Each structure stands twice: as C-alpha cells, then as structure tokens.
Amino acid sequence: MIAIVDYGVGNLKNVYTALKRLDLDVIITSNLNKINDAKAIVLPGVGAFKDAMENLESHNLISCLSANVKKGKPLLGICLGMQLLFDKSYEDGLCGGLEFIEGDIVRFSNELKVPHMGWNSLHRNKNHNLIKNVADGEYVYFVHSYYLKTKNYDDVLLYADYGVKVPAVIAKDNVFGMQFHPEKSSDTGIKLLQNFKELII
C-alpha cells in the first residue's frame, strides 16, 4: 500500500488517480498508523512552504515522516512536497523544512517570468532507475515560483533550464522528489511514476 499524505495542501485526487492507473494499492490519509504501515509514502503539495510545514506540524506528521525515512521507507515528494524535503525555504520569510536532504528553496530572479509555469524539457544529470527510459528533452509540466538550490548537485537526476538549472528530479537514498507534476505530465509523468512503483514493489 502507498500512503498519499493528506495535510490540507495537496493535489490529492490527481495523484491518487495516476497511481491507481498503475494498479497500485493507494490510500489518501493523515492517519499515522496507516502511514507507518504503508510500503511507501507520497507527499504532494500545492501552495506556500510555510503553510505546508505548519499543516504537517498540526497533523503531527513531521515526526512520523522523519521516523519512516530513517527506517528506509521510500518517500516521494511532488511539487511543493519535493521542496519540503530540504533544509529551508525563503518563501514569505525564512522557514525550516523537513531536512531530509541538504538544500535551500529560493525564488527565481525577478528577471524571469514568475511563476515558472507550463511545459519544459528535462535534461539528464546522472543515471538512476527512477528516470530510466526518460530521454533527454522530454517535457513535463511545472508550476512554481521557488526552486531548489541544492548543496550537493549529485542528488539531482534531471534538471530543466529556466534562467538557471532547475532541479526537476532528485534522489538521495530512499528519498525522491519531482518538482513538476508527474500526474499532469502525460506519458513522461506516467513513466516516472511507473519507475517509482518498480523501486518499491
């Protein structure tokens, strides 16, 4: 079973539908016992970083997620959910994140159109089973005003060009992230979710 974490700021139904289409056993939940019992966790998210962290705290989910990550359980963060995996964000003032991977979430330059919204192509930084069968130049759908400034670029599997190299898919041990919306990214998004499925079954 895969637990999609419901903490009040997620595009839950589309993520649920995309994973069900891959014949996965999926639930949407904020129940700590169900999250602990799950084989893998998906952390979606839409909105502001600080609000999301406050919601995770109010649902007592931060310690739950941390304990599961420490046990080695696969965790996939999507869009804002990916950003929450890192140390801190500068969105609406400094706010600490989950600190699963080193890096900061920073705003795009004012010289760029913000948010970075729409289809953009992916480029490979390193090989990993999470991105197998994804060719250089395939397109996915982004909507975000802040991006990851990573401490270790070796954590980046795929990136997009938008004035800077924007980390698009990241992986460190059992923690994974996708800055774009795979559930809205047509065949490429489904391939990536299929790869995630194969990592956890």
N, C-alpha and C. Protein backbone atom coordinates (compact mmCIF):
# COMPACT_ATOMS: atom_id res chain seq x y z
N MET A 1 0.83 -1.19 0.00
CA MET A 1 0.00 0.00 0.00
C MET A 1 0.87 1.26 0.00
N ILE A 2 0.45 2.24 -0.78
CA ILE A 2 1.12 3.55 -0.80
C ILE A 2 0.21 4.56 -0.12
N ALA A 3 0.78 5.33 0.81
CA ALA A 3 0.02 6.36 1.51
C ALA A 3 0.32 7.72 0.89
N ILE A 4 -0.71 8.36 0.35
CA ILE A 4 -0.61 9.76 -0.09
C ILE A 4 -0.99 10.60 1.12
N VAL A 5 -0.08 11.46 1.56
CA VAL A 5 -0.27 12.19 2.81
C VAL A 5 -1.23 13.36 2.59
N ASP A 6 -2.30 13.35 3.36
CA ASP A 6 -3.31 14.41 3.31
C ASP A 6 -3.05 15.38 4.47
N TYR A 7 -2.49 16.55 4.13
CA TYR A 7 -2.24 17.55 5.17
C TYR A 7 -2.81 18.91 4.78
N GLY A 8 -3.79 18.88 3.89
CA GLY A 8 -4.56 20.08 3.59
C GLY A 8 -4.03 20.95 2.48
N VAL A 9 -2.91 20.58 1.85
CA VAL A 9 -2.35 21.43 0.78
C VAL A 9 -1.89 20.60 -0.41
N GLY A 10 -2.66 19.62 -0.79
CA GLY A 10 -2.19 18.76 -1.88
C GLY A 10 -3.18 18.62 -3.02
N ASN A 11 -2.64 18.33 -4.19
CA ASN A 11 -3.45 17.99 -5.35
C ASN A 11 -3.68 16.47 -5.28
N LEU A 12 -4.47 16.05 -4.29
CA LEU A 12 -4.51 14.65 -3.91
C LEU A 12 -5.18 13.76 -4.93
N LYS A 13 -6.31 14.21 -5.44
CA LYS A 13 -7.11 13.33 -6.29
C LYS A 13 -6.38 12.96 -7.58
N ASN A 14 -5.71 13.93 -8.20
CA ASN A 14 -5.00 13.63 -9.45
C ASN A 14 -3.83 12.68 -9.22
N VAL A 15 -3.12 12.87 -8.10
CA VAL A 15 -2.02 11.96 -7.77
C VAL A 15 -2.56 10.56 -7.50
N TYR A 16 -3.65 10.49 -6.75
CA TYR A 16 -4.29 9.20 -6.45
C TYR A 16 -4.70 8.50 -7.74
N THR A 17 -5.34 9.22 -8.64
CA THR A 17 -5.81 8.63 -9.90
C THR A 17 -4.65 8.11 -10.74
N ALA A 18 -3.55 8.89 -10.80
CA ALA A 18 -2.39 8.48 -11.59
C ALA A 18 -1.77 7.20 -11.03
N LEU A 19 -1.68 7.09 -9.71
CA LEU A 19 -1.08 5.89 -9.11
C LEU A 19 -2.01 4.68 -9.22
N LYS A 20 -3.31 4.92 -9.10
CA LYS A 20 -4.27 3.82 -9.28
C LYS A 20 -4.22 3.27 -10.70
N ARG A 21 -3.96 4.16 -11.65
CA ARG A 21 -3.87 3.74 -13.05
C ARG A 21 -2.71 2.78 -13.26
N LEU A 22 -1.74 2.80 -12.35
CA LEU A 22 -0.59 1.88 -12.42
C LEU A 22 -0.83 0.62 -11.59
N ASP A 23 -2.11 0.40 -11.22
CA ASP A 23 -2.50 -0.79 -10.45
C ASP A 23 -1.83 -0.87 -9.08
N LEU A 24 -1.65 0.30 -8.47
CA LEU A 24 -1.10 0.33 -7.12
C LEU A 24 -2.23 0.43 -6.10
N ASP A 25 -2.01 -0.16 -4.95
CA ASP A 25 -2.93 -0.04 -3.82
C ASP A 25 -2.61 1.28 -3.12
N VAL A 26 -3.51 2.26 -3.20
CA VAL A 26 -3.23 3.63 -2.76
C VAL A 26 -4.33 4.09 -1.81
N ILE A 27 -3.92 4.82 -0.77
CA ILE A 27 -4.90 5.50 0.08
C ILE A 27 -4.46 6.94 0.28
N ILE A 28 -5.43 7.82 0.48
CA ILE A 28 -5.18 9.20 0.90
C ILE A 28 -5.47 9.27 2.39
N THR A 29 -4.49 9.68 3.19
CA THR A 29 -4.67 9.59 4.63
C THR A 29 -3.77 10.57 5.38
N SER A 30 -4.21 10.94 6.57
CA SER A 30 -3.35 11.64 7.53
C SER A 30 -3.19 10.79 8.80
N ASN A 31 -3.69 9.55 8.74
CA ASN A 31 -3.63 8.66 9.89
C ASN A 31 -2.21 8.11 10.06
N LEU A 32 -1.64 8.36 11.22
CA LEU A 32 -0.24 7.99 11.44
C LEU A 32 -0.01 6.49 11.34
N ASN A 33 -0.94 5.69 11.85
CA ASN A 33 -0.78 4.24 11.79
C ASN A 33 -0.80 3.73 10.36
N LYS A 34 -1.67 4.30 9.52
CA LYS A 34 -1.73 3.87 8.12
C LYS A 34 -0.47 4.28 7.37
N ILE A 35 0.05 5.48 7.68
CA ILE A 35 1.30 5.91 7.05
C ILE A 35 2.44 5.00 7.49
N ASN A 36 2.47 4.66 8.76
CA ASN A 36 3.52 3.75 9.27
C ASN A 36 3.43 2.37 8.64
N ASP A 37 2.22 1.92 8.33
CA ASP A 37 2.03 0.59 7.75
C ASP A 37 2.26 0.55 6.24
N ALA A 38 2.31 1.70 5.60
CA ALA A 38 2.44 1.76 4.14
C ALA A 38 3.82 1.29 3.69
N LYS A 39 3.87 0.80 2.47
CA LYS A 39 5.15 0.38 1.89
C LYS A 39 5.95 1.58 1.39
N ALA A 40 5.25 2.63 1.00
CA ALA A 40 5.89 3.85 0.52
C ALA A 40 4.96 5.03 0.80
N ILE A 41 5.53 6.24 0.77
CA ILE A 41 4.79 7.45 1.09
C ILE A 41 4.95 8.45 -0.06
N VAL A 42 3.84 9.10 -0.41
CA VAL A 42 3.88 10.19 -1.39
C VAL A 42 3.43 11.46 -0.67
N LEU A 43 4.25 12.51 -0.78
CA LEU A 43 3.97 13.80 -0.16
C LEU A 43 3.71 14.81 -1.27
N PRO A 44 2.44 15.06 -1.62
CA PRO A 44 2.15 16.05 -2.66
C PRO A 44 2.14 17.45 -2.03
N GLY A 45 1.81 18.45 -2.81
CA GLY A 45 1.72 19.78 -2.24
C GLY A 45 1.50 20.85 -3.28
N VAL A 46 0.61 21.78 -2.94
CA VAL A 46 0.36 22.97 -3.76
C VAL A 46 0.20 24.12 -2.78
N GLY A 47 0.87 25.24 -3.03
CA GLY A 47 0.70 26.39 -2.16
C GLY A 47 2.02 26.86 -1.58
N ALA A 48 1.96 27.44 -0.39
CA ALA A 48 3.11 28.09 0.23
C ALA A 48 3.83 27.14 1.20
N PHE A 49 5.15 27.25 1.23
CA PHE A 49 6.01 26.38 2.02
C PHE A 49 5.67 26.47 3.51
N LYS A 50 5.58 27.69 4.04
CA LYS A 50 5.35 27.85 5.48
C LYS A 50 4.00 27.27 5.90
N ASP A 51 2.97 27.52 5.10
CA ASP A 51 1.65 26.96 5.40
C ASP A 51 1.71 25.43 5.44
N ALA A 52 2.44 24.86 4.47
CA ALA A 52 2.55 23.40 4.39
C ALA A 52 3.23 22.84 5.63
N MET A 53 4.34 23.47 6.06
CA MET A 53 5.04 22.98 7.25
C MET A 53 4.16 23.11 8.49
N GLU A 54 3.41 24.20 8.59
CA GLU A 54 2.50 24.37 9.73
C GLU A 54 1.41 23.30 9.72
N ASN A 55 0.91 22.97 8.53
CA ASN A 55 -0.11 21.93 8.44
C ASN A 55 0.45 20.56 8.81
N LEU A 56 1.66 20.26 8.35
CA LEU A 56 2.29 19.00 8.74
C LEU A 56 2.45 18.92 10.25
N GLU A 57 2.86 20.03 10.85
CA GLU A 57 3.04 20.07 12.30
C GLU A 57 1.71 19.87 13.03
N SER A 58 0.68 20.55 12.55
CA SER A 58 -0.62 20.47 13.23
C SER A 58 -1.23 19.07 13.13
N HIS A 59 -0.85 18.31 12.10
CA HIS A 59 -1.33 16.93 11.96
C HIS A 59 -0.37 15.92 12.59
N ASN A 60 0.66 16.41 13.30
CA ASN A 60 1.67 15.53 13.93
C ASN A 60 2.38 14.63 12.93
N LEU A 61 2.58 15.16 11.71
CA LEU A 61 3.13 14.34 10.64
C LEU A 61 4.65 14.46 10.50
N ILE A 62 5.25 15.50 11.03
CA ILE A 62 6.69 15.70 10.82
C ILE A 62 7.50 14.56 11.44
N SER A 63 7.23 14.23 12.69
CA SER A 63 7.97 13.14 13.34
C SER A 63 7.65 11.80 12.69
N CYS A 64 6.42 11.63 12.24
CA CYS A 64 6.03 10.39 11.55
C CYS A 64 6.82 10.21 10.26
N LEU A 65 6.89 11.26 9.45
CA LEU A 65 7.64 11.19 8.19
C LEU A 65 9.12 10.96 8.46
N SER A 66 9.66 11.65 9.45
CA SER A 66 11.08 11.50 9.78
C SER A 66 11.40 10.07 10.21
N ALA A 67 10.55 9.49 11.04
CA ALA A 67 10.79 8.13 11.51
C ALA A 67 10.75 7.13 10.36
N ASN A 68 9.80 7.32 9.44
CA ASN A 68 9.69 6.41 8.30
C ASN A 68 10.87 6.54 7.35
N VAL A 69 11.34 7.75 7.13
CA VAL A 69 12.51 7.96 6.27
C VAL A 69 13.74 7.31 6.91
N LYS A 70 13.89 7.47 8.21
CA LYS A 70 15.04 6.87 8.90
C LYS A 70 15.02 5.35 8.82
N LYS A 71 13.83 4.76 8.74
CA LYS A 71 13.71 3.31 8.60
C LYS A 71 14.04 2.83 7.20
N GLY A 72 14.15 3.79 6.25
CA GLY A 72 14.46 3.42 4.87
C GLY A 72 13.26 3.31 3.97
N LYS A 73 12.09 3.73 4.45
CA LYS A 73 10.88 3.64 3.62
C LYS A 73 10.96 4.66 2.48
N PRO A 74 10.61 4.28 1.25
CA PRO A 74 10.64 5.23 0.13
C PRO A 74 9.61 6.35 0.34
N LEU A 75 10.07 7.58 0.08
CA LEU A 75 9.23 8.77 0.17
C LEU A 75 9.41 9.58 -1.10
N LEU A 76 8.31 9.90 -1.76
CA LEU A 76 8.33 10.72 -2.97
C LEU A 76 7.61 12.03 -2.71
N GLY A 77 8.32 13.15 -2.84
CA GLY A 77 7.72 14.47 -2.74
C GLY A 77 7.42 15.02 -4.12
N ILE A 78 6.24 15.60 -4.30
CA ILE A 78 5.82 16.13 -5.59
C ILE A 78 5.54 17.62 -5.45
N CYS A 79 6.13 18.42 -6.35
CA CYS A 79 5.97 19.88 -6.41
C CYS A 79 6.36 20.50 -5.07
N LEU A 80 5.45 21.16 -4.38
CA LEU A 80 5.77 21.70 -3.06
C LEU A 80 6.24 20.59 -2.13
N GLY A 81 5.68 19.40 -2.28
CA GLY A 81 6.11 18.26 -1.46
C GLY A 81 7.58 17.95 -1.62
N MET A 82 8.14 18.14 -2.81
CA MET A 82 9.58 17.98 -3.00
C MET A 82 10.34 19.07 -2.25
N GLN A 83 9.88 20.31 -2.34
CA GLN A 83 10.59 21.40 -1.69
C GLN A 83 10.66 21.22 -0.18
N LEU A 84 9.61 20.63 0.39
CA LEU A 84 9.56 20.43 1.84
C LEU A 84 10.63 19.46 2.33
N LEU A 85 11.20 18.65 1.44
CA LEU A 85 12.19 17.66 1.82
C LEU A 85 13.52 18.28 2.23
N PHE A 86 13.70 19.57 1.93
CA PHE A 86 15.00 20.21 2.10
C PHE A 86 15.09 21.04 3.38
N ASP A 87 16.22 21.71 3.57
CA ASP A 87 16.52 22.36 4.85
C ASP A 87 15.60 23.53 5.17
N LYS A 88 15.44 24.44 4.20
CA LYS A 88 14.67 25.65 4.47
C LYS A 88 14.24 26.31 3.18
N SER A 89 13.26 27.21 3.32
CA SER A 89 12.75 27.98 2.20
C SER A 89 12.75 29.46 2.59
N TYR A 90 12.92 30.31 1.57
CA TYR A 90 12.88 31.75 1.77
C TYR A 90 11.56 32.34 1.28
N GLU A 91 10.56 31.50 1.07
CA GLU A 91 9.25 31.97 0.61
C GLU A 91 8.51 32.64 1.78
N ASP A 92 8.17 33.93 1.62
CA ASP A 92 7.47 34.68 2.69
C ASP A 92 8.24 34.64 4.00
N GLY A 93 9.55 34.82 3.92
CA GLY A 93 10.39 34.75 5.11
C GLY A 93 10.98 33.37 5.29
N LEU A 94 12.00 33.29 6.11
CA LEU A 94 12.72 32.03 6.30
C LEU A 94 11.86 31.03 7.07
N CYS A 95 11.81 29.79 6.56
CA CYS A 95 11.05 28.73 7.22
C CYS A 95 11.81 27.41 7.07
N GLY A 96 11.97 26.69 8.17
CA GLY A 96 12.66 25.41 8.11
C GLY A 96 11.82 24.33 7.46
N GLY A 97 12.50 23.38 6.80
CA GLY A 97 11.83 22.27 6.14
C GLY A 97 12.05 20.97 6.90
N LEU A 98 11.84 19.86 6.21
CA LEU A 98 11.96 18.54 6.83
C LEU A 98 13.41 18.08 7.00
N GLU A 99 14.32 18.69 6.26
CA GLU A 99 15.76 18.43 6.40
C GLU A 99 16.16 16.99 6.08
N PHE A 100 15.47 16.38 5.12
CA PHE A 100 15.85 15.04 4.69
C PHE A 100 17.03 15.07 3.72
N ILE A 101 17.15 16.17 2.97
CA ILE A 101 18.24 16.35 2.01
C ILE A 101 18.73 17.79 2.16
N GLU A 102 20.03 17.99 1.96
CA GLU A 102 20.59 19.34 2.11
C GLU A 102 20.25 20.21 0.90
N GLY A 103 19.77 21.41 1.18
CA GLY A 103 19.47 22.35 0.11
C GLY A 103 18.47 23.39 0.58
N ASP A 104 18.42 24.51 -0.12
CA ASP A 104 17.52 25.61 0.21
C ASP A 104 16.58 25.88 -0.96
N ILE A 105 15.38 26.37 -0.62
CA ILE A 105 14.39 26.71 -1.64
C ILE A 105 14.40 28.24 -1.79
N VAL A 106 14.74 28.71 -2.99
CA VAL A 106 14.92 30.14 -3.25
C VAL A 106 14.05 30.58 -4.41
N ARG A 107 13.80 31.89 -4.49
CA ARG A 107 12.94 32.44 -5.52
C ARG A 107 13.71 32.64 -6.82
N PHE A 108 13.01 32.45 -7.93
CA PHE A 108 13.59 32.78 -9.22
C PHE A 108 13.92 34.27 -9.27
N SER A 109 14.90 34.61 -10.09
CA SER A 109 15.27 36.00 -10.29
C SER A 109 14.09 36.81 -10.83
N ASN A 110 14.04 38.09 -10.45
CA ASN A 110 12.99 38.99 -10.95
C ASN A 110 13.09 39.22 -12.46
N GLU A 111 14.24 38.86 -13.03
CA GLU A 111 14.40 39.00 -14.48
C GLU A 111 13.62 37.94 -15.25
N LEU A 112 13.15 36.90 -14.54
CA LEU A 112 12.41 35.82 -15.18
C LEU A 112 10.92 35.98 -14.93
N LYS A 113 10.12 35.44 -15.84
CA LYS A 113 8.68 35.41 -15.62
C LYS A 113 8.38 34.40 -14.51
N VAL A 114 7.71 34.87 -13.47
CA VAL A 114 7.38 34.02 -12.32
C VAL A 114 5.87 34.04 -12.13
N PRO A 115 5.24 32.88 -11.93
CA PRO A 115 5.86 31.57 -11.74
C PRO A 115 6.39 30.95 -13.04
N HIS A 116 7.30 30.02 -12.87
CA HIS A 116 7.72 29.15 -13.97
C HIS A 116 6.56 28.18 -14.19
N MET A 117 5.81 28.42 -15.26
CA MET A 117 4.57 27.66 -15.45
C MET A 117 4.48 27.16 -16.88
N GLY A 118 4.15 25.88 -17.00
CA GLY A 118 3.97 25.28 -18.31
C GLY A 118 4.95 24.15 -18.55
N TRP A 119 5.04 23.76 -19.82
CA TRP A 119 5.86 22.61 -20.19
C TRP A 119 7.31 23.03 -20.40
N ASN A 120 8.22 22.24 -19.84
CA ASN A 120 9.65 22.49 -20.02
C ASN A 120 10.34 21.15 -20.17
N SER A 121 11.46 21.16 -20.89
CA SER A 121 12.15 19.90 -21.18
C SER A 121 13.12 19.53 -20.08
N LEU A 122 13.34 18.24 -19.94
CA LEU A 122 14.21 17.67 -18.93
C LEU A 122 15.57 17.32 -19.53
N HIS A 123 16.60 17.47 -18.72
CA HIS A 123 17.96 17.11 -19.13
C HIS A 123 18.60 16.27 -18.04
N ARG A 124 19.36 15.28 -18.45
CA ARG A 124 19.91 14.30 -17.51
C ARG A 124 21.18 14.82 -16.86
N ASN A 125 21.24 14.66 -15.55
CA ASN A 125 22.47 14.96 -14.80
C ASN A 125 23.20 13.68 -14.43
N LYS A 126 22.44 12.64 -14.07
CA LYS A 126 23.06 11.34 -13.74
C LYS A 126 22.02 10.25 -13.92
N ASN A 127 22.50 9.03 -14.05
CA ASN A 127 21.60 7.90 -14.26
C ASN A 127 21.07 7.38 -12.93
N HIS A 128 19.84 6.86 -12.98
CA HIS A 128 19.20 6.28 -11.80
C HIS A 128 17.98 5.53 -12.29
N ASN A 129 17.59 4.47 -11.61
CA ASN A 129 16.42 3.69 -12.04
C ASN A 129 15.13 4.50 -12.00
N LEU A 130 15.07 5.56 -11.20
CA LEU A 130 13.88 6.39 -11.16
C LEU A 130 13.61 7.08 -12.49
N ILE A 131 14.65 7.28 -13.30
CA ILE A 131 14.48 8.03 -14.55
C ILE A 131 14.80 7.18 -15.78
N LYS A 132 14.80 5.87 -15.61
CA LYS A 132 15.09 5.02 -16.76
C LYS A 132 14.00 5.20 -17.83
N ASN A 133 14.39 5.06 -19.07
CA ASN A 133 13.50 5.20 -20.23
C ASN A 133 12.98 6.63 -20.44
N VAL A 134 13.53 7.59 -19.71
CA VAL A 134 13.18 9.00 -19.94
C VAL A 134 14.32 9.62 -20.75
N ALA A 135 14.01 10.02 -21.98
CA ALA A 135 15.02 10.55 -22.88
C ALA A 135 15.29 12.02 -22.60
N ASP A 136 16.49 12.44 -22.89
CA ASP A 136 16.83 13.86 -22.77
C ASP A 136 15.91 14.68 -23.67
N GLY A 137 15.32 15.73 -23.12
CA GLY A 137 14.45 16.60 -23.90
C GLY A 137 12.96 16.33 -23.74
N GLU A 138 12.59 15.28 -23.01
CA GLU A 138 11.16 15.03 -22.79
C GLU A 138 10.57 16.15 -21.92
N TYR A 139 9.28 16.43 -22.13
CA TYR A 139 8.64 17.57 -21.48
C TYR A 139 7.75 17.14 -20.32
N VAL A 140 7.75 17.99 -19.28
CA VAL A 140 6.86 17.81 -18.13
C VAL A 140 6.28 19.17 -17.74
N TYR A 141 5.28 19.14 -16.87
CA TYR A 141 4.51 20.35 -16.56
C TYR A 141 4.87 20.93 -15.19
N PHE A 142 5.38 22.17 -15.20
CA PHE A 142 5.82 22.86 -13.98
C PHE A 142 4.85 23.97 -13.61
N VAL A 143 4.71 24.22 -12.31
CA VAL A 143 4.07 25.44 -11.78
C VAL A 143 4.75 25.76 -10.46
N HIS A 144 5.69 26.71 -10.45
CA HIS A 144 6.36 27.08 -9.19
C HIS A 144 7.11 28.40 -9.35
N SER A 145 7.22 29.10 -8.23
CA SER A 145 7.93 30.38 -8.18
C SER A 145 9.27 30.27 -7.46
N TYR A 146 9.46 29.18 -6.74
CA TYR A 146 10.70 28.92 -5.99
C TYR A 146 11.29 27.60 -6.48
N TYR A 147 12.61 27.49 -6.37
CA TYR A 147 13.28 26.28 -6.86
C TYR A 147 14.38 25.87 -5.88
N LEU A 148 14.83 24.66 -6.05
CA LEU A 148 15.85 24.10 -5.17
C LEU A 148 17.25 24.58 -5.54
N LYS A 149 17.94 25.12 -4.55
CA LYS A 149 19.37 25.39 -4.66
C LYS A 149 20.05 24.34 -3.79
N THR A 150 20.49 23.27 -4.42
CA THR A 150 20.96 22.11 -3.67
C THR A 150 22.38 22.30 -3.16
N LYS A 151 22.68 21.64 -2.04
CA LYS A 151 24.05 21.66 -1.51
C LYS A 151 24.92 20.63 -2.24
N ASN A 152 24.28 19.63 -2.83
CA ASN A 152 25.01 18.55 -3.49
C ASN A 152 24.33 18.24 -4.82
N TYR A 153 24.91 18.72 -5.91
CA TYR A 153 24.25 18.56 -7.21
C TYR A 153 24.19 17.10 -7.65
N ASP A 154 24.94 16.24 -6.96
CA ASP A 154 24.87 14.81 -7.27
C ASP A 154 23.52 14.22 -6.88
N ASP A 155 22.73 14.93 -6.06
CA ASP A 155 21.38 14.48 -5.73
C ASP A 155 20.40 14.72 -6.88
N VAL A 156 20.80 15.50 -7.88
CA VAL A 156 19.92 15.87 -8.99
C VAL A 156 20.04 14.85 -10.11
N LEU A 157 18.90 14.25 -10.49
CA LEU A 157 18.90 13.29 -11.60
C LEU A 157 18.57 13.97 -12.92
N LEU A 158 17.54 14.82 -12.91
CA LEU A 158 17.12 15.55 -14.10
C LEU A 158 16.94 17.02 -13.72
N TYR A 159 17.22 17.90 -14.67
CA TYR A 159 17.01 19.33 -14.43
C TYR A 159 16.36 19.96 -15.65
N ALA A 160 15.80 21.14 -15.45
CA ALA A 160 15.24 21.94 -16.53
C ALA A 160 15.97 23.27 -16.57
N ASP A 161 16.06 23.86 -17.73
CA ASP A 161 16.67 25.19 -17.87
C ASP A 161 15.59 26.25 -17.79
N TYR A 162 15.74 27.17 -16.83
CA TYR A 162 14.84 28.32 -16.74
C TYR A 162 15.62 29.48 -16.12
N GLY A 163 16.54 30.00 -16.89
CA GLY A 163 17.44 31.03 -16.38
C GLY A 163 18.56 30.44 -15.54
N VAL A 164 18.25 29.40 -14.81
CA VAL A 164 19.21 28.60 -14.04
C VAL A 164 18.88 27.13 -14.29
N LYS A 165 19.77 26.25 -13.86
CA LYS A 165 19.45 24.83 -13.91
C LYS A 165 18.53 24.51 -12.74
N VAL A 166 17.30 24.19 -13.04
CA VAL A 166 16.28 23.92 -12.02
C VAL A 166 16.23 22.42 -11.74
N PRO A 167 16.61 21.97 -10.55
CA PRO A 167 16.49 20.54 -10.25
C PRO A 167 15.04 20.08 -10.41
N ALA A 168 14.85 19.08 -11.24
CA ALA A 168 13.49 18.62 -11.56
C ALA A 168 13.17 17.28 -10.93
N VAL A 169 14.15 16.38 -10.89
CA VAL A 169 14.00 15.09 -10.21
C VAL A 169 15.23 14.89 -9.34
N ILE A 170 15.00 14.56 -8.07
CA ILE A 170 16.11 14.37 -7.15
C ILE A 170 15.98 13.00 -6.47
N ALA A 171 17.10 12.50 -6.01
CA ALA A 171 17.11 11.23 -5.28
C ALA A 171 18.29 11.20 -4.34
N LYS A 172 18.02 10.85 -3.10
CA LYS A 172 19.08 10.59 -2.13
C LYS A 172 18.63 9.43 -1.25
N ASP A 173 19.29 8.30 -1.42
CA ASP A 173 18.92 7.08 -0.69
C ASP A 173 17.46 6.74 -0.97
N ASN A 174 16.60 6.74 0.05
CA ASN A 174 15.20 6.37 -0.13
C ASN A 174 14.26 7.57 -0.27
N VAL A 175 14.83 8.76 -0.44
CA VAL A 175 14.03 9.98 -0.57
C VAL A 175 14.13 10.50 -2.00
N PHE A 176 12.95 10.73 -2.62
CA PHE A 176 12.87 11.14 -4.02
C PHE A 176 11.99 12.38 -4.14
N GLY A 177 12.21 13.15 -5.20
CA GLY A 177 11.38 14.32 -5.41
C GLY A 177 11.23 14.65 -6.88
N MET A 178 10.08 15.21 -7.22
CA MET A 178 9.80 15.71 -8.56
C MET A 178 9.21 17.10 -8.42
N GLN A 179 9.91 18.12 -8.96
CA GLN A 179 9.46 19.50 -8.82
C GLN A 179 8.21 19.79 -9.65
N PHE A 180 8.06 19.11 -10.76
CA PHE A 180 6.91 19.27 -11.64
C PHE A 180 5.78 18.35 -11.17
N HIS A 181 4.69 18.34 -11.91
CA HIS A 181 3.55 17.48 -11.59
C HIS A 181 3.57 16.26 -12.52
N PRO A 182 4.06 15.11 -12.07
CA PRO A 182 4.06 13.94 -12.95
C PRO A 182 2.64 13.52 -13.33
N GLU A 183 1.68 13.75 -12.43
CA GLU A 183 0.30 13.37 -12.70
C GLU A 183 -0.35 14.22 -13.78
N LYS A 184 0.31 15.34 -14.17
CA LYS A 184 -0.19 16.21 -15.24
C LYS A 184 0.75 16.24 -16.43
N SER A 185 1.73 15.33 -16.43
CA SER A 185 2.81 15.39 -17.42
C SER A 185 2.76 14.28 -18.45
N SER A 186 1.57 13.85 -18.79
CA SER A 186 1.36 12.92 -19.91
C SER A 186 2.22 11.67 -19.76
N ASP A 187 2.71 11.14 -20.88
CA ASP A 187 3.42 9.86 -20.87
C ASP A 187 4.70 9.90 -20.04
N THR A 188 5.41 11.04 -20.06
CA THR A 188 6.66 11.14 -19.31
C THR A 188 6.38 11.03 -17.81
N GLY A 189 5.35 11.71 -17.35
CA GLY A 189 4.99 11.62 -15.94
C GLY A 189 4.62 10.22 -15.52
N ILE A 190 3.87 9.54 -16.37
CA ILE A 190 3.48 8.16 -16.06
C ILE A 190 4.70 7.25 -16.03
N LYS A 191 5.63 7.45 -16.94
CA LYS A 191 6.87 6.64 -16.93
C LYS A 191 7.61 6.80 -15.61
N LEU A 192 7.70 8.04 -15.14
CA LEU A 192 8.41 8.30 -13.90
C LEU A 192 7.70 7.67 -12.71
N LEU A 193 6.39 7.76 -12.68
CA LEU A 193 5.64 7.12 -11.60
C LEU A 193 5.74 5.60 -11.67
N GLN A 194 5.77 5.06 -12.89
CA GLN A 194 5.98 3.61 -13.07
C GLN A 194 7.36 3.21 -12.53
N ASN A 195 8.35 4.02 -12.80
CA ASN A 195 9.69 3.73 -12.28
C ASN A 195 9.71 3.75 -10.76
N PHE A 196 8.98 4.71 -10.17
CA PHE A 196 8.88 4.76 -8.71
C PHE A 196 8.21 3.48 -8.19
N LYS A 197 7.17 3.06 -8.88
CA LYS A 197 6.50 1.81 -8.50
C LYS A 197 7.47 0.65 -8.50
N GLU A 198 8.31 0.57 -9.52
CA GLU A 198 9.24 -0.56 -9.63
C GLU A 198 10.35 -0.50 -8.56
N LEU A 199 10.61 0.70 -8.04
CA LEU A 199 11.58 0.83 -6.96
C LEU A 199 11.05 0.32 -5.63
N ILE A 200 9.71 0.29 -5.50
CA ILE A 200 9.15 -0.02 -4.18
C ILE A 200 8.46 -1.37 -4.09
N ILE A 201 8.20 -2.02 -5.24
CA ILE A 201 7.48 -3.31 -5.17
C ILE A 201 8.48 -4.47 -5.00
